[in-house]
PDB file of N, CA and C in Angstrom:
ATOM      1  N   MET A   1       6.341 -17.288   0.635  1.00  0.00           N
ATOM      2  CA  MET A   1       6.344 -16.069  -0.148  1.00  0.00           C
ATOM      3  C   MET A   1       7.732 -15.449  -0.031  1.00  0.00           C
ATOM      4  N   SER A   2       8.324 -15.161  -1.154  1.00  0.00           N
ATOM      5  CA  SER A   2       9.663 -14.571  -1.153  1.00  0.00           C
ATOM      6  C   SER A   2       9.562 -13.047  -1.205  1.00  0.00           C
ATOM      7  N   LYS A   3      10.636 -12.387  -0.764  1.00  0.00           N
ATOM      8  CA  LYS A   3      10.670 -10.930  -0.805  1.00  0.00           C
ATOM      9  C   LYS A   3      10.552 -10.419  -2.230  1.00  0.00           C
ATOM     10  N   LYS A   4      11.065 -11.173  -3.194  1.00  0.00           N
ATOM     11  CA  LYS A   4      11.026 -10.755  -4.589  1.00  0.00           C
ATOM     12  C   LYS A   4       9.605 -10.718  -5.144  1.00  0.00           C
ATOM     13  N   SER A   5       8.699 -11.505  -4.562  1.00  0.00           N
ATOM     14  CA  SER A   5       7.335 -11.565  -5.086  1.00  0.00           C
ATOM     15  C   SER A   5       6.437 -10.453  -4.549  1.00  0.00           C
ATOM     16  N   ILE A   6       6.915  -9.689  -3.572  1.00  0.00           N
ATOM     17  CA  ILE A   6       6.111  -8.620  -2.989  1.00  0.00           C
ATOM     18  C   ILE A   6       6.295  -7.351  -3.812  1.00  0.00           C
ATOM     19  N   GLN A   7       5.183  -6.800  -4.301  1.00  0.00           N
ATOM     20  CA  GLN A   7       5.242  -5.607  -5.138  1.00  0.00           C
ATOM     21  C   GLN A   7       5.151  -4.326  -4.333  1.00  0.00           C
ATOM     22  N   LYS A   8       4.226  -4.250  -3.404  1.00  0.00           N
ATOM     23  CA  LYS A   8       4.022  -3.049  -2.598  1.00  0.00           C
ATOM     24  C   LYS A   8       3.732  -3.480  -1.161  1.00  0.00           C
ATOM     25  N   VAL A   9       4.153  -2.648  -0.222  1.00  0.00           N
ATOM     26  CA  VAL A   9       3.877  -2.925   1.183  1.00  0.00           C
ATOM     27  C   VAL A   9       3.363  -1.642   1.822  1.00  0.00           C
ATOM     28  N   TYR A  10       2.304  -1.774   2.569  1.00  0.00           N
ATOM     29  CA  TYR A  10       1.717  -0.650   3.283  1.00  0.00           C
ATOM     30  C   TYR A  10       1.542  -1.021   4.740  1.00  0.00           C
ATOM     31  N   ALA A  11       1.736  -0.057   5.618  1.00  0.00           N
ATOM     32  CA  ALA A  11       1.450  -0.284   7.039  1.00  0.00           C
ATOM     33  C   ALA A  11      -0.062  -0.415   7.218  1.00  0.00           C
ATOM     34  N   LEU A  12      -0.461  -1.183   8.206  1.00  0.00           N
ATOM     35  CA  LEU A  12      -1.881  -1.298   8.495  1.00  0.00           C
ATOM     36  C   LEU A  12      -2.385  -0.017   9.143  1.00  0.00           C
ATOM     37  N   THR A  13      -3.656   0.270   8.934  1.00  0.00           N
ATOM     38  CA  THR A  13      -4.279   1.390   9.639  1.00  0.00           C
ATOM     39  C   THR A  13      -4.484   0.972  11.089  1.00  0.00           C
ATOM     40  N   PRO A  14      -4.678   1.917  11.982  1.00  0.00           N
ATOM     41  CA  PRO A  14      -4.950   1.540  13.371  1.00  0.00           C
ATOM     42  C   PRO A  14      -6.154   0.594  13.507  1.00  0.00           C
ATOM     43  N   MET A  15      -7.171   0.804  12.701  1.00  0.00           N
ATOM     44  CA  MET A  15      -8.350  -0.078  12.739  1.00  0.00           C
ATOM     45  C   MET A  15      -7.971  -1.494  12.322  1.00  0.00           C
ATOM     46  N   GLN A  16      -7.193  -1.625  11.241  1.00  0.00           N
ATOM     47  CA  GLN A  16      -6.759  -2.949  10.794  1.00  0.00           C
ATOM     48  C   GLN A  16      -5.888  -3.618  11.846  1.00  0.00           C
ATOM     49  N   GLU A  17      -5.006  -2.849  12.492  1.00  0.00           N
ATOM     50  CA  GLU A  17      -4.168  -3.421  13.542  1.00  0.00           C
ATOM     51  C   GLU A  17      -5.028  -3.958  14.691  1.00  0.00           C
ATOM     52  N   GLY A  18      -6.042  -3.205  15.074  1.00  0.00           N
ATOM     53  CA  GLY A  18      -6.935  -3.648  16.150  1.00  0.00           C
ATOM     54  C   GLY A  18      -7.697  -4.897  15.767  1.00  0.00           C
ATOM     55  N   MET A  19      -8.190  -4.944  14.545  1.00  0.00           N
ATOM     56  CA  MET A  19      -8.924  -6.124  14.082  1.00  0.00           C
ATOM     57  C   MET A  19      -8.009  -7.337  14.032  1.00  0.00           C
ATOM     58  N   LEU A  20      -6.781  -7.142  13.555  1.00  0.00           N
ATOM     59  CA  LEU A  20      -5.823  -8.239  13.492  1.00  0.00           C
ATOM     60  C   LEU A  20      -5.469  -8.724  14.890  1.00  0.00           C
ATOM     61  N   TYR A  21      -5.270  -7.793  15.814  1.00  0.00           N
ATOM     62  CA  TYR A  21      -4.953  -8.154  17.197  1.00  0.00           C
ATOM     63  C   TYR A  21      -6.029  -9.074  17.767  1.00  0.00           C
ATOM     64  N   HIS A  22      -7.280  -8.687  17.617  1.00  0.00           N
ATOM     65  CA  HIS A  22      -8.375  -9.488  18.169  1.00  0.00           C
ATOM     66  C   HIS A  22      -8.519 -10.818  17.437  1.00  0.00           C
ATOM     67  N   ALA A  23      -8.266 -10.830  16.138  1.00  0.00           N
ATOM     68  CA  ALA A  23      -8.330 -12.082  15.373  1.00  0.00           C
ATOM     69  C   ALA A  23      -7.223 -13.041  15.810  1.00  0.00           C
ATOM     70  N   MET A  24      -6.031 -12.503  16.116  1.00  0.00           N
ATOM     71  CA  MET A  24      -4.929 -13.360  16.568  1.00  0.00           C
ATOM     72  C   MET A  24      -5.139 -13.802  18.022  1.00  0.00           C
ATOM     73  N   LEU A  25      -5.777 -12.961  18.802  1.00  0.00           N
ATOM     74  CA  LEU A  25      -6.053 -13.276  20.198  1.00  0.00           C
ATOM     75  C   LEU A  25      -7.030 -14.442  20.299  1.00  0.00           C
ATOM     76  N   ASP A  26      -8.025 -14.463  19.428  1.00  0.00           N
ATOM     77  CA  ASP A  26      -9.021 -15.539  19.416  1.00  0.00           C
ATOM     78  C   ASP A  26      -9.283 -15.956  17.972  1.00  0.00           C
ATOM     79  N   PRO A  27      -8.455 -16.877  17.436  1.00  0.00           N
ATOM     80  CA  PRO A  27      -8.570 -17.270  16.025  1.00  0.00           C
ATOM     81  C   PRO A  27      -9.923 -17.889  15.654  1.00  0.00           C
ATOM     82  N   HIS A  28     -10.670 -18.368  16.631  1.00  0.00           N
ATOM     83  CA  HIS A  28     -11.947 -19.019  16.334  1.00  0.00           C
ATOM     84  C   HIS A  28     -13.134 -18.064  16.437  1.00  0.00           C
ATOM     85  N   SER A  29     -12.855 -16.823  16.778  1.00  0.00           N
ATOM     86  CA  SER A  29     -13.917 -15.833  16.892  1.00  0.00           C
ATOM     87  C   SER A  29     -14.447 -15.464  15.511  1.00  0.00           C
ATOM     88  N   SER A  30     -15.718 -15.170  15.453  1.00  0.00           N
ATOM     89  CA  SER A  30     -16.311 -14.728  14.187  1.00  0.00           C
ATOM     90  C   SER A  30     -16.590 -13.224  14.225  1.00  0.00           C
ATOM     91  N   SER A  31     -15.955 -12.512  15.144  1.00  0.00           N
ATOM     92  CA  SER A  31     -16.212 -11.079  15.320  1.00  0.00           C
ATOM     93  C   SER A  31     -15.998 -10.274  14.046  1.00  0.00           C
ATOM     94  N   TYR A  32     -14.965 -10.585  13.295  1.00  0.00           N
ATOM     95  CA  TYR A  32     -14.653  -9.805  12.102  1.00  0.00           C
ATOM     96  C   TYR A  32     -14.827 -10.610  10.826  1.00  0.00           C
ATOM     97  N   PHE A  33     -15.639 -11.638  10.893  1.00  0.00           N
ATOM     98  CA  PHE A  33     -15.927 -12.446   9.713  1.00  0.00           C
ATOM     99  C   PHE A  33     -17.105 -11.821   8.993  1.00  0.00           C
ATOM    100  N   THR A  34     -16.913 -11.499   7.741  1.00  0.00           N
ATOM    101  CA  THR A  34     -17.979 -10.892   6.949  1.00  0.00           C
ATOM    102  C   THR A  34     -18.261 -11.770   5.750  1.00  0.00           C
ATOM    103  N   GLN A  35     -19.529 -12.038   5.552  1.00  0.00           N
ATOM    104  CA  GLN A  35     -19.927 -12.840   4.399  1.00  0.00           C
ATOM    105  C   GLN A  35     -21.131 -12.171   3.769  1.00  0.00           C
ATOM    106  N   LEU A  36     -21.164 -12.161   2.482  1.00  0.00           N
ATOM    107  CA  LEU A  36     -22.244 -11.518   1.753  1.00  0.00           C
ATOM    108  C   LEU A  36     -22.914 -12.553   0.857  1.00  0.00           C
ATOM    109  N   GLU A  37     -24.198 -12.584   0.912  1.00  0.00           N
ATOM    110  CA  GLU A  37     -24.960 -13.484   0.050  1.00  0.00           C
ATOM    111  C   GLU A  37     -26.025 -12.657  -0.657  1.00  0.00           C
ATOM    112  N   LEU A  38     -26.073 -12.783  -1.968  1.00  0.00           N
ATOM    113  CA  LEU A  38     -27.037 -12.031  -2.762  1.00  0.00           C
ATOM    114  C   LEU A  38     -27.939 -12.982  -3.522  1.00  0.00           C
ATOM    115  N   GLY A  39     -29.198 -12.644  -3.584  1.00  0.00           N
ATOM    116  CA  GLY A  39     -30.138 -13.390  -4.406  1.00  0.00           C
ATOM    117  C   GLY A  39     -30.289 -12.690  -5.742  1.00  0.00           C
ATOM    118  N   ILE A  40     -30.217 -13.431  -6.816  1.00  0.00           N
ATOM    119  CA  ILE A  40     -30.332 -12.846  -8.149  1.00  0.00           C
ATOM    120  C   ILE A  40     -31.598 -13.390  -8.793  1.00  0.00           C
ATOM    121  N   HIS A  41     -32.432 -12.474  -9.221  1.00  0.00           N
ATOM    122  CA  HIS A  41     -33.677 -12.855  -9.884  1.00  0.00           C
ATOM    123  C   HIS A  41     -33.596 -12.418 -11.337  1.00  0.00           C
ATOM    124  N   GLY A  42     -33.983 -13.285 -12.235  1.00  0.00           N
ATOM    125  CA  GLY A  42     -33.936 -12.946 -13.647  1.00  0.00           C
ATOM    126  C   GLY A  42     -32.659 -13.438 -14.303  1.00  0.00           C
ATOM    127  N   ALA A  43     -32.415 -12.944 -15.504  1.00  0.00           N
ATOM    128  CA  ALA A  43     -31.258 -13.378 -16.289  1.00  0.00           C
ATOM    129  C   ALA A  43     -29.956 -12.905 -15.642  1.00  0.00           C
ATOM    130  N   PHE A  44     -28.957 -13.761 -15.689  1.00  0.00           N
ATOM    131  CA  PHE A  44     -27.649 -13.437 -15.121  1.00  0.00           C
ATOM    132  C   PHE A  44     -26.583 -13.944 -16.072  1.00  0.00           C
ATOM    133  N   ASP A  45     -25.720 -13.043 -16.514  1.00  0.00           N
ATOM    134  CA  ASP A  45     -24.645 -13.406 -17.437  1.00  0.00           C
ATOM    135  C   ASP A  45     -23.352 -13.511 -16.632  1.00  0.00           C
ATOM    136  N   LEU A  46     -22.945 -14.727 -16.323  1.00  0.00           N
ATOM    137  CA  LEU A  46     -21.759 -14.965 -15.509  1.00  0.00           C
ATOM    138  C   LEU A  46     -20.498 -14.399 -16.157  1.00  0.00           C
ATOM    139  N   GLU A  47     -20.397 -14.500 -17.478  1.00  0.00           N
ATOM    140  CA  GLU A  47     -19.213 -13.995 -18.178  1.00  0.00           C
ATOM    141  C   GLU A  47     -19.073 -12.481 -18.006  1.00  0.00           C
ATOM    142  N   ILE A  48     -20.167 -11.759 -18.156  1.00  0.00           N
ATOM    143  CA  ILE A  48     -20.138 -10.302 -17.981  1.00  0.00           C
ATOM    144  C   ILE A  48     -19.837  -9.953 -16.527  1.00  0.00           C
ATOM    145  N   PHE A  49     -20.416 -10.696 -15.608  1.00  0.00           N
ATOM    146  CA  PHE A  49     -20.160 -10.460 -14.186  1.00  0.00           C
ATOM    147  C   PHE A  49     -18.681 -10.668 -13.864  1.00  0.00           C
ATOM    148  N   GLU A  50     -18.108 -11.762 -14.352  1.00  0.00           N
ATOM    149  CA  GLU A  50     -16.692 -12.047 -14.105  1.00  0.00           C
ATOM    150  C   GLU A  50     -15.800 -10.966 -14.712  1.00  0.00           C
ATOM    151  N   LYS A  51     -16.120 -10.533 -15.932  1.00  0.00           N
ATOM    152  CA  LYS A  51     -15.343  -9.458 -16.567  1.00  0.00           C
ATOM    153  C   LYS A  51     -15.435  -8.172 -15.747  1.00  0.00           C
ATOM    154  N   SER A  52     -16.602  -7.881 -15.210  1.00  0.00           N
ATOM    155  CA  SER A  52     -16.797  -6.670 -14.407  1.00  0.00           C
ATOM    156  C   SER A  52     -15.968  -6.722 -13.126  1.00  0.00           C
ATOM    157  N   VAL A  53     -16.007  -7.862 -12.444  1.00  0.00           N
ATOM    158  CA  VAL A  53     -15.225  -8.014 -11.211  1.00  0.00           C
ATOM    159  C   VAL A  53     -13.734  -7.922 -11.520  1.00  0.00           C
ATOM    160  N   ASN A  54     -13.298  -8.558 -12.570  1.00  0.00           N
ATOM    161  CA  ASN A  54     -11.888  -8.503 -12.942  1.00  0.00           C
ATOM    162  C   ASN A  54     -11.458  -7.096 -13.334  1.00  0.00           C
ATOM    163  N   GLU A  55     -12.341  -6.321 -13.939  1.00  0.00           N
ATOM    164  CA  GLU A  55     -12.032  -4.929 -14.271  1.00  0.00           C
ATOM    165  C   GLU A  55     -11.890  -4.106 -12.995  1.00  0.00           C
ATOM    166  N   LEU A  56     -12.741  -4.357 -12.016  1.00  0.00           N
ATOM    167  CA  LEU A  56     -12.595  -3.680 -10.723  1.00  0.00           C
ATOM    168  C   LEU A  56     -11.247  -4.005 -10.096  1.00  0.00           C
ATOM    169  N   ILE A  57     -10.871  -5.275 -10.130  1.00  0.00           N
ATOM    170  CA  ILE A  57      -9.590  -5.704  -9.561  1.00  0.00           C
ATOM    171  C   ILE A  57      -8.434  -5.070 -10.319  1.00  0.00           C
ATOM    172  N   ARG A  58      -8.546  -4.994 -11.636  1.00  0.00           N
ATOM    173  CA  ARG A  58      -7.491  -4.369 -12.438  1.00  0.00           C
ATOM    174  C   ARG A  58      -7.364  -2.887 -12.097  1.00  0.00           C
ATOM    175  N   SER A  59      -8.489  -2.232 -11.871  1.00  0.00           N
ATOM    176  CA  SER A  59      -8.495  -0.801 -11.584  1.00  0.00           C
ATOM    177  C   SER A  59      -8.094  -0.485 -10.143  1.00  0.00           C
ATOM    178  N   TYR A  60      -8.409  -1.392  -9.227  1.00  0.00           N
ATOM    179  CA  TYR A  60      -8.160  -1.161  -7.801  1.00  0.00           C
ATOM    180  C   TYR A  60      -7.418  -2.361  -7.230  1.00  0.00           C
ATOM    181  N   ASP A  61      -6.100  -2.374  -7.404  1.00  0.00           N
ATOM    182  CA  ASP A  61      -5.336  -3.549  -6.985  1.00  0.00           C
ATOM    183  C   ASP A  61      -5.364  -3.776  -5.477  1.00  0.00           C
ATOM    184  N   ILE A  62      -5.875  -2.820  -4.713  1.00  0.00           N
ATOM    185  CA  ILE A  62      -6.021  -3.015  -3.272  1.00  0.00           C
ATOM    186  C   ILE A  62      -6.926  -4.221  -2.982  1.00  0.00           C
ATOM    187  N   LEU A  63      -7.770  -4.575  -3.942  1.00  0.00           N
ATOM    188  CA  LEU A  63      -8.657  -5.728  -3.764  1.00  0.00           C
ATOM    189  C   LEU A  63      -7.888  -7.049  -3.747  1.00  0.00           C
ATOM    190  N   LEU A  64      -6.617  -7.036  -4.143  1.00  0.00           N
ATOM    191  CA  LEU A  64      -5.788  -8.241  -4.151  1.00  0.00           C
ATOM    192  C   LEU A  64      -4.814  -8.292  -2.976  1.00  0.00           C
ATOM    193  N   TYR A  65      -4.926  -7.367  -2.052  1.00  0.00           N
ATOM    194  CA  TYR A  65      -3.986  -7.312  -0.945  1.00  0.00           C
ATOM    195  C   TYR A  65      -4.314  -8.346   0.116  1.00  0.00           C
ATOM    196  N   GLY A  66      -3.283  -8.734   0.819  1.00  0.00           N
ATOM    197  CA  GLY A  66      -3.430  -9.637   1.939  1.00  0.00           C
ATOM    198  C   GLY A  66      -2.637  -9.107   3.113  1.00  0.00           C
ATOM    199  N   ILE A  67      -2.837  -9.690   4.254  1.00  0.00           N
ATOM    200  CA  ILE A  67      -2.133  -9.274   5.459  1.00  0.00           C
ATOM    201  C   ILE A  67      -1.203 -10.395   5.889  1.00  0.00           C
ATOM    202  N   CYS A  68       0.023 -10.034   6.120  1.00  0.00           N
ATOM    203  CA  CYS A  68       1.025 -10.982   6.594  1.00  0.00           C
ATOM    204  C   CYS A  68       1.370 -10.589   8.018  1.00  0.00           C
ATOM    205  N   ALA A  69       1.167 -11.494   8.948  1.00  0.00           N
ATOM    206  CA  ALA A  69       1.390 -11.152  10.351  1.00  0.00           C
ATOM    207  C   ALA A  69       2.257 -12.197  11.024  1.00  0.00           C
ATOM    208  N   SER A  70       3.113 -11.723  11.900  1.00  0.00           N
ATOM    209  CA  SER A  70       3.867 -12.614  12.769  1.00  0.00           C
ATOM    210  C   SER A  70       4.092 -11.883  14.078  1.00  0.00           C
ATOM    211  N   ALA A  71       4.282 -12.614  15.134  1.00  0.00           N
ATOM    212  CA  ALA A  71       4.470 -11.997  16.440  1.00  0.00           C
ATOM    213  C   ALA A  71       5.789 -11.246  16.506  1.00  0.00           C
ATOM    214  N   ALA A  72       6.740 -11.601  15.666  1.00  0.00           N
ATOM    215  CA  ALA A  72       8.080 -11.020  15.742  1.00  0.00           C
ATOM    216  C   ALA A  72       8.266  -9.782  14.882  1.00  0.00           C
ATOM    217  N   ALA A  73       7.332  -9.495  13.988  1.00  0.00           N
ATOM    218  CA  ALA A  73       7.547  -8.400  13.046  1.00  0.00           C
ATOM    219  C   ALA A  73       6.347  -7.469  13.017  1.00  0.00           C
ATOM    220  N   LYS A  74       6.588  -6.264  12.564  1.00  0.00           N
ATOM    221  CA  LYS A  74       5.509  -5.311  12.341  1.00  0.00           C
ATOM    222  C   LYS A  74       4.647  -5.832  11.200  1.00  0.00           C
ATOM    223  N   THR A  75       3.362  -5.793  11.373  1.00  0.00           N
ATOM    224  CA  THR A  75       2.442  -6.318  10.371  1.00  0.00           C
ATOM    225  C   THR A  75       2.231  -5.296   9.260  1.00  0.00           C
ATOM    226  N   ALA A  76       2.108  -5.811   8.041  1.00  0.00           N
ATOM    227  CA  ALA A  76       1.878  -4.953   6.887  1.00  0.00           C
ATOM    228  C   ALA A  76       0.957  -5.669   5.919  1.00  0.00           C
ATOM    229  N   SER A  77       0.403  -4.908   5.015  1.00  0.00           N
ATOM    230  CA  SER A  77      -0.375  -5.503   3.941  1.00  0.00           C
ATOM    231  C   SER A  77       0.398  -5.282   2.655  1.00  0.00           C
ATOM    232  N   GLY A  78       0.164  -6.143   1.677  1.00  0.00           N
ATOM    233  CA  GLY A  78       0.878  -5.988   0.421  1.00  0.00           C
ATOM    234  C   GLY A  78       0.270  -6.794  -0.688  1.00  0.00           C
ATOM    235  N   ARG A  79       0.712  -6.492  -1.896  1.00  0.00           N
ATOM    236  CA  ARG A  79       0.270  -7.227  -3.077  1.00  0.00           C
ATOM    237  C   ARG A  79       1.432  -8.080  -3.554  1.00  0.00           C
ATOM    238  N   VAL A  80       1.125  -9.335  -3.798  1.00  0.00           N
ATOM    239  CA  VAL A  80       2.142 -10.272  -4.246  1.00  0.00           C
ATOM    240  C   VAL A  80       2.128 -10.339  -5.764  1.00  0.00           C
ATOM    241  N   SER A  81       3.309 -10.276  -6.382  1.00  0.00           N
ATOM    242  CA  SER A  81       3.361 -10.363  -7.832  1.00  0.00           C
ATOM    243  C   SER A  81       2.889 -11.736  -8.277  1.00  0.00           C
ATOM    244  N   GLY A  82       2.351 -11.780  -9.448  1.00  0.00           N
ATOM    245  CA  GLY A  82       1.855 -13.038  -9.969  1.00  0.00           C
ATOM    246  C   GLY A  82       0.402 -13.276  -9.589  1.00  0.00           C
ATOM    247  N   THR A  83      -0.160 -12.428  -8.727  1.00  0.00           N
ATOM    248  CA  THR A  83      -1.565 -12.558  -8.385  1.00  0.00           C
ATOM    249  C   THR A  83      -2.362 -12.191  -9.610  1.00  0.00           C
ATOM    250  N   GLN A  84      -3.210 -13.076 -10.026  1.00  0.00           N
ATOM    251  CA  GLN A  84      -3.931 -12.854 -11.261  1.00  0.00           C
ATOM    252  C   GLN A  84      -5.397 -12.586 -10.988  1.00  0.00           C
ATOM    253  N   ASN A  85      -6.017 -11.855 -11.874  1.00  0.00           N
ATOM    254  CA  ASN A  85      -7.436 -11.587 -11.770  1.00  0.00           C
ATOM    255  C   ASN A  85      -8.251 -12.832 -12.080  1.00  0.00           C
ATOM    256  N   LYS A  86      -7.766 -13.654 -12.985  1.00  0.00           N
ATOM    257  CA  LYS A  86      -8.496 -14.835 -13.407  1.00  0.00           C
ATOM    258  C   LYS A  86      -8.799 -15.702 -12.197  1.00  0.00           C
ATOM    259  N   GLY A  87     -10.022 -16.078 -12.047  1.00  0.00           N
ATOM    260  CA  GLY A  87     -10.405 -16.923 -10.940  1.00  0.00           C
ATOM    261  C   GLY A  87     -10.597 -16.147  -9.651  1.00  0.00           C
ATOM    262  N   ALA A  88     -10.704 -14.851  -9.734  1.00  0.00           N
ATOM    263  CA  ALA A  88     -10.863 -14.054  -8.533  1.00  0.00           C
ATOM    264  C   ALA A  88     -12.214 -14.326  -7.863  1.00  0.00           C
ATOM    265  N   LEU A  89     -13.143 -14.810  -8.631  1.00  0.00           N
ATOM    266  CA  LEU A  89     -14.466 -15.078  -8.074  1.00  0.00           C
ATOM    267  C   LEU A  89     -14.460 -16.317  -7.264  1.00  0.00           C
TER     268      LEU A  89
END
């Protein structure tokens, strides 16, 4: 990732820093692993669902942020340019 591709950078919150610390301390831990599974009953329109999720991403770009961490630098979160909504699901 080049510096030119980074659009915004934010410092992590104290909670995020703590979670990252523990994740780096034990990379195989599932302490902060979150997974959601939903059961859908009845008709489901995948196209409408995808459009809805992409609209959320367009409205709240924080959903596209990632965390870049290294032992030598202060950790931050940011959005990389070129990140597209398409295929976000």
